[in-house]
Amino acid sequence: MHTCSALVVPARLAQPVHVKAVELDVSALQRVATGEVGVIVGRDWHVYLDSEANQVATPNLRAEALIREAGIEVEETLHGTALFLGHGSDAEEADAPRRLIRLAEQLFDLPLAA
């Protein structure tokens, strides 16, 4: 089991975007998604999210905005909570990159002390 600081972007606007220490294992990733876990990969980060475009799940407009601002075009609507992490060595998970956290702070106008 490996613990990392993740940038968590909930789909529900009433829930705050935050940085949280998470223990990463299969069950932790499955809690992110109501169905299959999907991954979008950026230059120095990746995000786990619900890969099934479930009509019942809440669209995650903040995660879409953050991913677009980080330089990745998103073709489909994202749903559910998004869990952003960094790339570590040997395909290990790493803490969410500080630059991605700063970008989220600017986009959502809130401090996210890591």
PDB file of N, CA and C in Angstrom:
ATOM      1  N   MET A   1       0.850  -1.181   0.000  1.00  0.00           N
ATOM      2  CA  MET A   1       0.000   0.000   0.000  1.00  0.00           C
ATOM      3  C   MET A   1       0.891   1.239   0.000  1.00  0.00           C
ATOM      4  N   HIS A   2       0.485   2.235  -0.761  1.00  0.00           N
ATOM      5  CA  HIS A   2       1.278   3.440  -0.968  1.00  0.00           C
ATOM      6  C   HIS A   2       0.386   4.650  -0.685  1.00  0.00           C
ATOM      7  N   THR A   3       0.872   5.632   0.061  1.00  0.00           N
ATOM      8  CA  THR A   3       0.096   6.827   0.366  1.00  0.00           C
ATOM      9  C   THR A   3       0.638   8.011  -0.418  1.00  0.00           C
ATOM     10  N   CYS A   4      -0.266   8.757  -1.042  1.00  0.00           N
ATOM     11  CA  CYS A   4       0.094   9.944  -1.820  1.00  0.00           C
ATOM     12  C   CYS A   4      -0.867  11.079  -1.487  1.00  0.00           C
ATOM     13  N   SER A   5      -0.426  12.297  -1.775  1.00  0.00           N
ATOM     14  CA  SER A   5      -1.310  13.459  -1.674  1.00  0.00           C
ATOM     15  C   SER A   5      -1.995  13.632  -3.019  1.00  0.00           C
ATOM     16  N   ALA A   6      -3.301  13.490  -3.017  1.00  0.00           N
ATOM     17  CA  ALA A   6      -4.082  13.578  -4.250  1.00  0.00           C
ATOM     18  C   ALA A   6      -4.875  14.880  -4.263  1.00  0.00           C
ATOM     19  N   LEU A   7      -5.067  15.413  -5.441  1.00  0.00           N
ATOM     20  CA  LEU A   7      -5.967  16.535  -5.640  1.00  0.00           C
ATOM     21  C   LEU A   7      -7.322  15.927  -5.957  1.00  0.00           C
ATOM     22  N   VAL A   8      -8.305  16.168  -5.102  1.00  0.00           N
ATOM     23  CA  VAL A   8      -9.625  15.568  -5.238  1.00  0.00           C
ATOM     24  C   VAL A   8     -10.607  16.647  -5.720  1.00  0.00           C
ATOM     25  N   VAL A   9     -11.259  16.350  -6.850  1.00  0.00           N
ATOM     26  CA  VAL A   9     -12.230  17.285  -7.420  1.00  0.00           C
ATOM     27  C   VAL A   9     -13.587  16.580  -7.467  1.00  0.00           C
ATOM     28  N   PRO A  10     -14.420  16.820  -6.445  1.00  0.00           N
ATOM     29  CA  PRO A  10     -15.752  16.199  -6.440  1.00  0.00           C
ATOM     30  C   PRO A  10     -16.636  16.761  -7.547  1.00  0.00           C
ATOM     31  N   ALA A  11     -17.561  15.964  -8.013  1.00  0.00           N
ATOM     32  CA  ALA A  11     -18.488  16.417  -9.046  1.00  0.00           C
ATOM     33  C   ALA A  11     -19.497  17.412  -8.484  1.00  0.00           C
ATOM     34  N   ARG A  12     -19.955  17.172  -7.294  1.00  0.00           N
ATOM     35  CA  ARG A  12     -20.958  18.064  -6.693  1.00  0.00           C
ATOM     36  C   ARG A  12     -20.301  19.384  -6.298  1.00  0.00           C
ATOM     37  N   LEU A  13     -20.855  20.489  -6.787  1.00  0.00           N
ATOM     38  CA  LEU A  13     -20.277  21.804  -6.535  1.00  0.00           C
ATOM     39  C   LEU A  13     -20.314  22.188  -5.064  1.00  0.00           C
ATOM     40  N   ALA A  14     -21.209  21.605  -4.297  1.00  0.00           N
ATOM     41  CA  ALA A  14     -21.297  21.904  -2.869  1.00  0.00           C
ATOM     42  C   ALA A  14     -20.129  21.294  -2.088  1.00  0.00           C
ATOM     43  N   GLN A  15     -19.451  20.314  -2.673  1.00  0.00           N
ATOM     44  CA  GLN A  15     -18.303  19.682  -2.020  1.00  0.00           C
ATOM     45  C   GLN A  15     -17.035  20.381  -2.482  1.00  0.00           C
ATOM     46  N   PRO A  16     -16.131  20.689  -1.542  1.00  0.00           N
ATOM     47  CA  PRO A  16     -14.936  21.456  -1.910  1.00  0.00           C
ATOM     48  C   PRO A  16     -13.874  20.629  -2.628  1.00  0.00           C
ATOM     49  N   VAL A  17     -13.165  21.297  -3.527  1.00  0.00           N
ATOM     50  CA  VAL A  17     -11.946  20.732  -4.104  1.00  0.00           C
ATOM     51  C   VAL A  17     -10.917  20.753  -2.979  1.00  0.00           C
ATOM     52  N   HIS A  18     -10.157  19.655  -2.827  1.00  0.00           N
ATOM     53  CA  HIS A  18      -9.208  19.597  -1.720  1.00  0.00           C
ATOM     54  C   HIS A  18      -8.046  18.662  -2.030  1.00  0.00           C
ATOM     55  N   VAL A  19      -6.994  18.799  -1.223  1.00  0.00           N
ATOM     56  CA  VAL A  19      -5.846  17.900  -1.297  1.00  0.00           C
ATOM     57  C   VAL A  19      -5.964  16.957  -0.120  1.00  0.00           C
ATOM     58  N   LYS A  20      -5.785  15.671  -0.385  1.00  0.00           N
ATOM     59  CA  LYS A  20      -6.020  14.656   0.643  1.00  0.00           C
ATOM     60  C   LYS A  20      -4.992  13.538   0.504  1.00  0.00           C
ATOM     61  N   ALA A  21      -4.509  13.046   1.633  1.00  0.00           N
ATOM     62  CA  ALA A  21      -3.643  11.868   1.626  1.00  0.00           C
ATOM     63  C   ALA A  21      -4.520  10.649   1.375  1.00  0.00           C
ATOM     64  N   VAL A  22      -4.163   9.863   0.376  1.00  0.00           N
ATOM     65  CA  VAL A  22      -4.940   8.665   0.048  1.00  0.00           C
ATOM     66  C   VAL A  22      -4.012   7.456  -0.002  1.00  0.00           C
ATOM     67  N   GLU A  23      -4.514   6.340   0.505  1.00  0.00           N
ATOM     68  CA  GLU A  23      -3.812   5.075   0.379  1.00  0.00           C
ATOM     69  C   GLU A  23      -4.291   4.445  -0.915  1.00  0.00           C
ATOM     70  N   LEU A  24      -3.355   4.141  -1.781  1.00  0.00           N
ATOM     71  CA  LEU A  24      -3.728   3.690  -3.117  1.00  0.00           C
ATOM     72  C   LEU A  24      -3.674   2.181  -3.236  1.00  0.00           C
ATOM     73  N   ASP A  25      -4.828   1.620  -3.441  1.00  0.00           N
ATOM     74  CA  ASP A  25      -4.965   0.210  -3.761  1.00  0.00           C
ATOM     75  C   ASP A  25      -6.188   0.090  -4.662  1.00  0.00           C
ATOM     76  N   VAL A  26      -6.480  -1.080  -5.135  1.00  0.00           N
ATOM     77  CA  VAL A  26      -7.587  -1.263  -6.073  1.00  0.00           C
ATOM     78  C   VAL A  26      -8.911  -0.809  -5.475  1.00  0.00           C
ATOM     79  N   SER A  27      -9.158  -1.129  -4.216  1.00  0.00           N
ATOM     80  CA  SER A  27     -10.441  -0.748  -3.614  1.00  0.00           C
ATOM     81  C   SER A  27     -10.562   0.765  -3.477  1.00  0.00           C
ATOM     82  N   ALA A  28      -9.451   1.457  -3.216  1.00  0.00           N
ATOM     83  CA  ALA A  28      -9.492   2.918  -3.121  1.00  0.00           C
ATOM     84  C   ALA A  28      -9.858   3.526  -4.469  1.00  0.00           C
ATOM     85  N   LEU A  29      -9.299   2.990  -5.533  1.00  0.00           N
ATOM     86  CA  LEU A  29      -9.618   3.519  -6.864  1.00  0.00           C
ATOM     87  C   LEU A  29     -11.049   3.197  -7.259  1.00  0.00           C
ATOM     88  N   GLN A  30     -11.554   2.051  -6.856  1.00  0.00           N
ATOM     89  CA  GLN A  30     -12.930   1.694  -7.189  1.00  0.00           C
ATOM     90  C   GLN A  30     -13.932   2.571  -6.449  1.00  0.00           C
ATOM     91  N   ARG A  31     -13.544   3.129  -5.306  1.00  0.00           N
ATOM     92  CA  ARG A  31     -14.437   4.036  -4.589  1.00  0.00           C
ATOM     93  C   ARG A  31     -14.604   5.347  -5.340  1.00  0.00           C
ATOM     94  N   VAL A  32     -13.656   5.680  -6.231  1.00  0.00           N
ATOM     95  CA  VAL A  32     -13.751   6.891  -7.030  1.00  0.00           C
ATOM     96  C   VAL A  32     -14.878   6.761  -8.049  1.00  0.00           C
ATOM     97  N   ALA A  33     -15.048   5.570  -8.571  1.00  0.00           N
ATOM     98  CA  ALA A  33     -15.994   5.364  -9.668  1.00  0.00           C
ATOM     99  C   ALA A  33     -17.152   4.482  -9.239  1.00  0.00           C
ATOM    100  N   THR A  34     -18.315   4.739  -9.827  1.00  0.00           N
ATOM    101  CA  THR A  34     -19.458   3.874  -9.578  1.00  0.00           C
ATOM    102  C   THR A  34     -19.393   2.644 -10.465  1.00  0.00           C
ATOM    103  N   GLY A  35     -18.601   2.734 -11.519  1.00  0.00           N
ATOM    104  CA  GLY A  35     -18.421   1.606 -12.441  1.00  0.00           C
ATOM    105  C   GLY A  35     -16.945   1.345 -12.629  1.00  0.00           C
ATOM    106  N   GLU A  36     -16.532   1.289 -13.887  1.00  0.00           N
ATOM    107  CA  GLU A  36     -15.126   1.063 -14.210  1.00  0.00           C
ATOM    108  C   GLU A  36     -14.317   2.336 -13.968  1.00  0.00           C
ATOM    109  N   VAL A  37     -13.078   2.155 -13.536  1.00  0.00           N
ATOM    110  CA  VAL A  37     -12.190   3.288 -13.301  1.00  0.00           C
ATOM    111  C   VAL A  37     -11.493   3.639 -14.604  1.00  0.00           C
ATOM    112  N   GLY A  38     -11.591   4.905 -14.996  1.00  0.00           N
ATOM    113  CA  GLY A  38     -10.916   5.386 -16.191  1.00  0.00           C
ATOM    114  C   GLY A  38      -9.730   6.248 -15.814  1.00  0.00           C
ATOM    115  N   VAL A  39      -8.833   6.454 -16.753  1.00  0.00           N
ATOM    116  CA  VAL A  39      -7.641   7.260 -16.515  1.00  0.00           C
ATOM    117  C   VAL A  39      -7.437   8.198 -17.695  1.00  0.00           C
ATOM    118  N   ILE A  40      -7.129   9.458 -17.391  1.00  0.00           N
ATOM    119  CA  ILE A  40      -6.682  10.422 -18.391  1.00  0.00           C
ATOM    120  C   ILE A  40      -5.276  10.808 -17.968  1.00  0.00           C
ATOM    121  N   VAL A  41      -4.346  10.798 -18.919  1.00  0.00           N
ATOM    122  CA  VAL A  41      -2.943  11.035 -18.600  1.00  0.00           C
ATOM    123  C   VAL A  41      -2.466  12.351 -19.197  1.00  0.00           C
ATOM    124  N   GLY A  42      -1.848  13.171 -18.346  1.00  0.00           N
ATOM    125  CA  GLY A  42      -1.218  14.416 -18.771  1.00  0.00           C
ATOM    126  C   GLY A  42       0.293  14.258 -18.739  1.00  0.00           C
ATOM    127  N   ARG A  43       0.992  15.347 -18.902  1.00  0.00           N
ATOM    128  CA  ARG A  43       2.451  15.327 -18.964  1.00  0.00           C
ATOM    129  C   ARG A  43       3.081  14.792 -17.676  1.00  0.00           C
ATOM    130  N   ASP A  44       2.697  15.335 -16.540  1.00  0.00           N
ATOM    131  CA  ASP A  44       3.280  14.911 -15.262  1.00  0.00           C
ATOM    132  C   ASP A  44       2.220  14.518 -14.243  1.00  0.00           C
ATOM    133  N   TRP A  45       1.023  14.241 -14.723  1.00  0.00           N
ATOM    134  CA  TRP A  45      -0.101  13.886 -13.852  1.00  0.00           C
ATOM    135  C   TRP A  45      -1.009  12.897 -14.575  1.00  0.00           C
ATOM    136  N   HIS A  46      -1.884  12.296 -13.804  1.00  0.00           N
ATOM    137  CA  HIS A  46      -2.970  11.488 -14.353  1.00  0.00           C
ATOM    138  C   HIS A  46      -4.144  11.597 -13.400  1.00  0.00           C
ATOM    139  N   VAL A  47      -5.326  11.314 -13.918  1.00  0.00           N
ATOM    140  CA  VAL A  47      -6.531  11.436 -13.107  1.00  0.00           C
ATOM    141  C   VAL A  47      -7.340  10.161 -13.240  1.00  0.00           C
ATOM    142  N   TYR A  48      -7.797   9.666 -12.103  1.00  0.00           N
ATOM    143  CA  TYR A  48      -8.709   8.519 -12.068  1.00  0.00           C
ATOM    144  C   TYR A  48     -10.119   9.067 -11.933  1.00  0.00           C
ATOM    145  N   LEU A  49     -11.039   8.471 -12.697  1.00  0.00           N
ATOM    146  CA  LEU A  49     -12.434   8.908 -12.643  1.00  0.00           C
ATOM    147  C   LEU A  49     -13.330   7.801 -13.142  1.00  0.00           C
ATOM    148  N   ASP A  50     -14.608   8.056 -13.085  1.00  0.00           N
ATOM    149  CA  ASP A  50     -15.607   7.087 -13.526  1.00  0.00           C
ATOM    150  C   ASP A  50     -15.606   7.048 -15.046  1.00  0.00           C
ATOM    151  N   SER A  51     -15.290   5.900 -15.639  1.00  0.00           N
ATOM    152  CA  SER A  51     -15.207   5.818 -17.097  1.00  0.00           C
ATOM    153  C   SER A  51     -16.546   5.536 -17.755  1.00  0.00           C
ATOM    154  N   GLU A  52     -17.549   5.210 -16.974  1.00  0.00           N
ATOM    155  CA  GLU A  52     -18.870   4.950 -17.544  1.00  0.00           C
ATOM    156  C   GLU A  52     -19.691   6.228 -17.499  1.00  0.00           C
ATOM    157  N   ALA A  53     -20.052   6.742 -18.650  1.00  0.00           N
ATOM    158  CA  ALA A  53     -20.843   7.976 -18.715  1.00  0.00           C
ATOM    159  C   ALA A  53     -22.253   7.680 -18.235  1.00  0.00           C
ATOM    160  N   ASN A  54     -22.400   7.600 -16.959  1.00  0.00           N
ATOM    161  CA  ASN A  54     -23.663   7.245 -16.330  1.00  0.00           C
ATOM    162  C   ASN A  54     -24.563   8.482 -16.259  1.00  0.00           C
ATOM    163  N   GLN A  55     -25.740   8.388 -16.826  1.00  0.00           N
ATOM    164  CA  GLN A  55     -26.678   9.506 -16.833  1.00  0.00           C
ATOM    165  C   GLN A  55     -27.072   9.940 -15.421  1.00  0.00           C
ATOM    166  N   VAL A  56     -26.998   9.020 -14.466  1.00  0.00           N
ATOM    167  CA  VAL A  56     -27.392   9.325 -13.090  1.00  0.00           C
ATOM    168  C   VAL A  56     -26.282  10.067 -12.356  1.00  0.00           C
ATOM    169  N   ALA A  57     -25.018   9.768 -12.685  1.00  0.00           N
ATOM    170  CA  ALA A  57     -23.888  10.396 -12.005  1.00  0.00           C
ATOM    171  C   ALA A  57     -23.823  11.884 -12.347  1.00  0.00           C
ATOM    172  N   THR A  58     -23.348  12.662 -11.401  1.00  0.00           N
ATOM    173  CA  THR A  58     -23.228  14.104 -11.576  1.00  0.00           C
ATOM    174  C   THR A  58     -22.059  14.435 -12.503  1.00  0.00           C
ATOM    175  N   PRO A  59     -22.277  15.258 -13.522  1.00  0.00           N
ATOM    176  CA  PRO A  59     -21.161  15.679 -14.376  1.00  0.00           C
ATOM    177  C   PRO A  59     -20.134  16.448 -13.551  1.00  0.00           C
ATOM    178  N   ASN A  60     -18.856  16.272 -13.857  1.00  0.00           N
ATOM    179  CA  ASN A  60     -17.797  16.950 -13.108  1.00  0.00           C
ATOM    180  C   ASN A  60     -17.208  18.058 -13.987  1.00  0.00           C
ATOM    181  N   LEU A  61     -17.869  19.213 -13.954  1.00  0.00           N
ATOM    182  CA  LEU A  61     -17.469  20.345 -14.779  1.00  0.00           C
ATOM    183  C   LEU A  61     -16.144  20.947 -14.328  1.00  0.00           C
ATOM    184  N   ARG A  62     -15.868  20.917 -13.018  1.00  0.00           N
ATOM    185  CA  ARG A  62     -14.593  21.461 -12.525  1.00  0.00           C
ATOM    186  C   ARG A  62     -13.416  20.611 -12.989  1.00  0.00           C
ATOM    187  N   ALA A  63     -13.553  19.285 -12.933  1.00  0.00           N
ATOM    188  CA  ALA A  63     -12.469  18.416 -13.404  1.00  0.00           C
ATOM    189  C   ALA A  63     -12.240  18.626 -14.900  1.00  0.00           C
ATOM    190  N   GLU A  64     -13.320  18.765 -15.674  1.00  0.00           N
ATOM    191  CA  GLU A  64     -13.177  19.022 -17.107  1.00  0.00           C
ATOM    192  C   GLU A  64     -12.411  20.318 -17.343  1.00  0.00           C
ATOM    193  N   ALA A  65     -12.761  21.371 -16.612  1.00  0.00           N
ATOM    194  CA  ALA A  65     -12.085  22.660 -16.778  1.00  0.00           C
ATOM    195  C   ALA A  65     -10.604  22.549 -16.418  1.00  0.00           C
ATOM    196  N   LEU A  66     -10.295  21.865 -15.331  1.00  0.00           N
ATOM    197  CA  LEU A  66      -8.905  21.715 -14.903  1.00  0.00           C
ATOM    198  C   LEU A  66      -8.100  20.927 -15.933  1.00  0.00           C
ATOM    199  N   ILE A  67      -8.659  19.862 -16.443  1.00  0.00           N
ATOM    200  CA  ILE A  67      -7.963  19.036 -17.440  1.00  0.00           C
ATOM    201  C   ILE A  67      -7.711  19.841 -18.718  1.00  0.00           C
ATOM    202  N   ARG A  68      -8.706  20.605 -19.142  1.00  0.00           N
ATOM    203  CA  ARG A  68      -8.531  21.431 -20.349  1.00  0.00           C
ATOM    204  C   ARG A  68      -7.450  22.491 -20.136  1.00  0.00           C
ATOM    205  N   GLU A  69      -7.485  23.146 -18.976  1.00  0.00           N
ATOM    206  CA  GLU A  69      -6.484  24.174 -18.673  1.00  0.00           C
ATOM    207  C   GLU A  69      -5.090  23.578 -18.538  1.00  0.00           C
ATOM    208  N   ALA A  70      -5.009  22.303 -18.190  1.00  0.00           N
ATOM    209  CA  ALA A  70      -3.714  21.617 -18.076  1.00  0.00           C
ATOM    210  C   ALA A  70      -3.232  21.116 -19.435  1.00  0.00           C
ATOM    211  N   GLY A  71      -4.023  21.345 -20.496  1.00  0.00           N
ATOM    212  CA  GLY A  71      -3.562  21.066 -21.841  1.00  0.00           C
ATOM    213  C   GLY A  71      -4.095  19.823 -22.516  1.00  0.00           C
ATOM    214  N   ILE A  72      -5.097  19.174 -21.937  1.00  0.00           N
ATOM    215  CA  ILE A  72      -5.667  17.967 -22.535  1.00  0.00           C
ATOM    216  C   ILE A  72      -7.102  18.275 -22.968  1.00  0.00           C
ATOM    217  N   GLU A  73      -7.423  17.998 -24.234  1.00  0.00           N
ATOM    218  CA  GLU A  73      -8.795  18.168 -24.710  1.00  0.00           C
ATOM    219  C   GLU A  73      -9.630  16.973 -24.267  1.00  0.00           C
ATOM    220  N   VAL A  74     -10.783  17.254 -23.720  1.00  0.00           N
ATOM    221  CA  VAL A  74     -11.701  16.219 -23.259  1.00  0.00           C
ATOM    222  C   VAL A  74     -12.870  16.176 -24.225  1.00  0.00           C
ATOM    223  N   GLU A  75     -13.113  15.006 -24.801  1.00  0.00           N
ATOM    224  CA  GLU A  75     -14.174  14.840 -25.796  1.00  0.00           C
ATOM    225  C   GLU A  75     -15.531  14.568 -25.165  1.00  0.00           C
ATOM    226  N   GLU A  76     -15.543  13.839 -24.035  1.00  0.00           N
ATOM    227  CA  GLU A  76     -16.790  13.424 -23.405  1.00  0.00           C
ATOM    228  C   GLU A  76     -16.982  14.122 -22.069  1.00  0.00           C
ATOM    229  N   THR A  77     -18.207  14.126 -21.592  1.00  0.00           N
ATOM    230  CA  THR A  77     -18.497  14.669 -20.273  1.00  0.00           C
ATOM    231  C   THR A  77     -17.955  13.726 -19.209  1.00  0.00           C
ATOM    232  N   LEU A  78     -17.270  14.283 -18.226  1.00  0.00           N
ATOM    233  CA  LEU A  78     -16.743  13.481 -17.123  1.00  0.00           C
ATOM    234  C   LEU A  78     -17.777  13.429 -16.013  1.00  0.00           C
ATOM    235  N   HIS A  79     -17.794  12.315 -15.291  1.00  0.00           N
ATOM    236  CA  HIS A  79     -18.766  12.129 -14.213  1.00  0.00           C
ATOM    237  C   HIS A  79     -18.058  11.682 -12.943  1.00  0.00           C
ATOM    238  N   GLY A  80     -18.655  12.008 -11.818  1.00  0.00           N
ATOM    239  CA  GLY A  80     -18.163  11.541 -10.534  1.00  0.00           C
ATOM    240  C   GLY A  80     -16.911  12.270 -10.075  1.00  0.00           C
ATOM    241  N   THR A  81     -16.394  11.851  -8.930  1.00  0.00           N
ATOM    242  CA  THR A  81     -15.204  12.445  -8.328  1.00  0.00           C
ATOM    243  C   THR A  81     -13.973  12.138  -9.172  1.00  0.00           C
ATOM    244  N   ALA A  82     -13.087  13.132  -9.292  1.00  0.00           N
ATOM    245  CA  ALA A  82     -11.820  12.964 -10.012  1.00  0.00           C
ATOM    246  C   ALA A  82     -10.686  13.003  -8.998  1.00  0.00           C
ATOM    247  N   LEU A  83      -9.745  12.068  -9.135  1.00  0.00           N
ATOM    248  CA  LEU A  83      -8.615  11.937  -8.221  1.00  0.00           C
ATOM    249  C   LEU A  83      -7.334  12.131  -9.025  1.00  0.00           C
ATOM    250  N   PHE A  84      -6.689  13.306  -8.865  1.00  0.00           N
ATOM    251  CA  PHE A  84      -5.484  13.649  -9.612  1.00  0.00           C
ATOM    252  C   PHE A  84      -4.243  13.262  -8.827  1.00  0.00           C
ATOM    253  N   LEU A  85      -3.306  12.581  -9.499  1.00  0.00           N
ATOM    254  CA  LEU A  85      -2.039  12.166  -8.903  1.00  0.00           C
ATOM    255  C   LEU A  85      -0.908  12.476  -9.875  1.00  0.00           C
ATOM    256  N   GLY A  86       0.318  12.374  -9.386  1.00  0.00           N
ATOM    257  CA  GLY A  86       1.487  12.582 -10.231  1.00  0.00           C
ATOM    258  C   GLY A  86       2.072  11.263 -10.686  1.00  0.00           C
ATOM    259  N   HIS A  87       3.025  11.357 -11.606  1.00  0.00           N
ATOM    260  CA  HIS A  87       3.747  10.183 -12.092  1.00  0.00           C
ATOM    261  C   HIS A  87       4.978   9.984 -11.211  1.00  0.00           C
ATOM    262  N   GLY A  88       5.170   8.786 -10.698  1.00  0.00           N
ATOM    263  CA  GLY A  88       6.363   8.452  -9.943  1.00  0.00           C
ATOM    264  C   GLY A  88       7.286   7.585 -10.775  1.00  0.00           C
ATOM    265  N   SER A  89       8.347   7.149 -10.164  1.00  0.00           N
ATOM    266  CA  SER A  89       9.276   6.269 -10.865  1.00  0.00           C
ATOM    267  C   SER A  89       8.713   4.850 -10.910  1.00  0.00           C
ATOM    268  N   ASP A  90       9.113   4.098 -11.905  1.00  0.00           N
ATOM    269  CA  ASP A  90       8.691   2.698 -12.063  1.00  0.00           C
ATOM    270  C   ASP A  90       7.179   2.535 -12.045  1.00  0.00           C
ATOM    271  N   ALA A  91       6.469   3.446 -12.692  1.00  0.00           N
ATOM    272  CA  ALA A  91       5.003   3.410 -12.795  1.00  0.00           C
ATOM    273  C   ALA A  91       4.307   3.486 -11.440  1.00  0.00           C
ATOM    274  N   GLU A  92       4.995   3.998 -10.446  1.00  0.00           N
ATOM    275  CA  GLU A  92       4.395   4.209  -9.124  1.00  0.00           C
ATOM    276  C   GLU A  92       3.581   5.500  -9.142  1.00  0.00           C
ATOM    277  N   GLU A  93       2.608   5.567  -8.261  1.00  0.00           N
ATOM    278  CA  GLU A  93       1.851   6.800  -8.078  1.00  0.00           C
ATOM    279  C   GLU A  93       2.731   7.784  -7.303  1.00  0.00           C
ATOM    280  N   ALA A  94       2.476   9.079  -7.491  1.00  0.00           N
ATOM    281  CA  ALA A  94       3.199  10.120  -6.762  1.00  0.00           C
ATOM    282  C   ALA A  94       2.200  11.203  -6.362  1.00  0.00           C
ATOM    283  N   ASP A  95       2.651  12.111  -5.512  1.00  0.00           N
ATOM    284  CA  ASP A  95       1.805  13.233  -5.111  1.00  0.00           C
ATOM    285  C   ASP A  95       1.374  14.033  -6.338  1.00  0.00           C
ATOM    286  N   ALA A  96       0.191  14.613  -6.262  1.00  0.00           N
ATOM    287  CA  ALA A  96      -0.276  15.491  -7.338  1.00  0.00           C
ATOM    288  C   ALA A  96       0.747  16.607  -7.516  1.00  0.00           C
ATOM    289  N   PRO A  97       1.112  16.928  -8.745  1.00  0.00           N
ATOM    290  CA  PRO A  97       2.106  17.978  -8.971  1.00  0.00           C
ATOM    291  C   PRO A  97       1.653  19.323  -8.415  1.00  0.00           C
ATOM    292  N   ARG A  98       2.585  20.034  -7.817  1.00  0.00           N
ATOM    293  CA  ARG A  98       2.285  21.332  -7.214  1.00  0.00           C
ATOM    294  C   ARG A  98       1.719  22.307  -8.257  1.00  0.00           C
ATOM    295  N   ARG A  99       2.240  22.245  -9.495  1.00  0.00           N
ATOM    296  CA  ARG A  99       1.751  23.165 -10.527  1.00  0.00           C
ATOM    297  C   ARG A  99       0.278  22.912 -10.851  1.00  0.00           C
ATOM    298  N   LEU A 100      -0.162  21.656 -10.775  1.00  0.00           N
ATOM    299  CA  LEU A 100      -1.566  21.328 -11.017  1.00  0.00           C
ATOM    300  C   LEU A 100      -2.434  21.836  -9.863  1.00  0.00           C
ATOM    301  N   ILE A 101      -1.923  21.735  -8.657  1.00  0.00           N
ATOM    302  CA  ILE A 101      -2.646  22.261  -7.492  1.00  0.00           C
ATOM    303  C   ILE A 101      -2.772  23.778  -7.600  1.00  0.00           C
ATOM    304  N   ARG A 102      -1.687  24.463  -8.004  1.00  0.00           N
ATOM    305  CA  ARG A 102      -1.748  25.919  -8.176  1.00  0.00           C
ATOM    306  C   ARG A 102      -2.748  26.309  -9.261  1.00  0.00           C
ATOM    307  N   LEU A 103      -2.797  25.534 -10.340  1.00  0.00           N
ATOM    308  CA  LEU A 103      -3.761  25.797 -11.412  1.00  0.00           C
ATOM    309  C   LEU A 103      -5.188  25.660 -10.887  1.00  0.00           C
ATOM    310  N   ALA A 104      -5.440  24.631 -10.082  1.00  0.00           N
ATOM    311  CA  ALA A 104      -6.769  24.452  -9.479  1.00  0.00           C
ATOM    312  C   ALA A 104      -7.093  25.623  -8.550  1.00  0.00           C
ATOM    313  N   GLU A 105      -6.118  26.090  -7.783  1.00  0.00           N
ATOM    314  CA  GLU A 105      -6.338  27.242  -6.902  1.00  0.00           C
ATOM    315  C   GLU A 105      -6.758  28.467  -7.709  1.00  0.00           C
ATOM    316  N   GLN A 106      -6.108  28.687  -8.843  1.00  0.00           N
ATOM    317  CA  GLN A 106      -6.436  29.837  -9.690  1.00  0.00           C
ATOM    318  C   GLN A 106      -7.816  29.683 -10.337  1.00  0.00           C
ATOM    319  N   LEU A 107      -8.101  28.496 -10.858  1.00  0.00           N
ATOM    320  CA  LEU A 107      -9.382  28.270 -11.534  1.00  0.00           C
ATOM    321  C   LEU A 107     -10.572  28.380 -10.601  1.00  0.00           C
ATOM    322  N   PHE A 108     -10.424  27.822  -9.409  1.00  0.00           N
ATOM    323  CA  PHE A 108     -11.555  27.733  -8.492  1.00  0.00           C
ATOM    324  C   PHE A 108     -11.488  28.777  -7.386  1.00  0.00           C
ATOM    325  N   ASP A 109     -10.493  29.662  -7.466  1.00  0.00           N
ATOM    326  CA  ASP A 109     -10.336  30.786  -6.532  1.00  0.00           C
ATOM    327  C   ASP A 109     -10.418  30.352  -5.070  1.00  0.00           C
ATOM    328  N   LEU A 110      -9.563  29.355  -4.723  1.00  0.00           N
ATOM    329  CA  LEU A 110      -9.510  28.904  -3.335  1.00  0.00           C
ATOM    330  C   LEU A 110      -8.143  28.330  -3.021  1.00  0.00           C
ATOM    331  N   PRO A 111      -7.695  28.506  -1.773  1.00  0.00           N
ATOM    332  CA  PRO A 111      -6.395  27.963  -1.375  1.00  0.00           C
ATOM    333  C   PRO A 111      -6.489  26.458  -1.112  1.00  0.00           C
ATOM    334  N   LEU A 112      -5.501  25.717  -1.594  1.00  0.00           N
ATOM    335  CA  LEU A 112      -5.461  24.263  -1.409  1.00  0.00           C
ATOM    336  C   LEU A 112      -4.113  23.889  -0.807  1.00  0.00           C
ATOM    337  N   ALA A 113      -3.911  24.198   0.428  1.00  0.00           N
ATOM    338  CA  ALA A 113      -2.629  23.883   1.080  1.00  0.00           C
ATOM    339  C   ALA A 113      -2.360  22.399   0.961  1.00  0.00           C
ATOM    340  N   ALA A 114      -1.207  22.069   0.391  1.00  0.00           N
ATOM    341  CA  ALA A 114      -0.838  20.653   0.206  1.00  0.00           C
ATOM    342  C   ALA A 114      -0.060  20.138   1.391  1.00  0.00           C
TER     343      ALA A 114
END
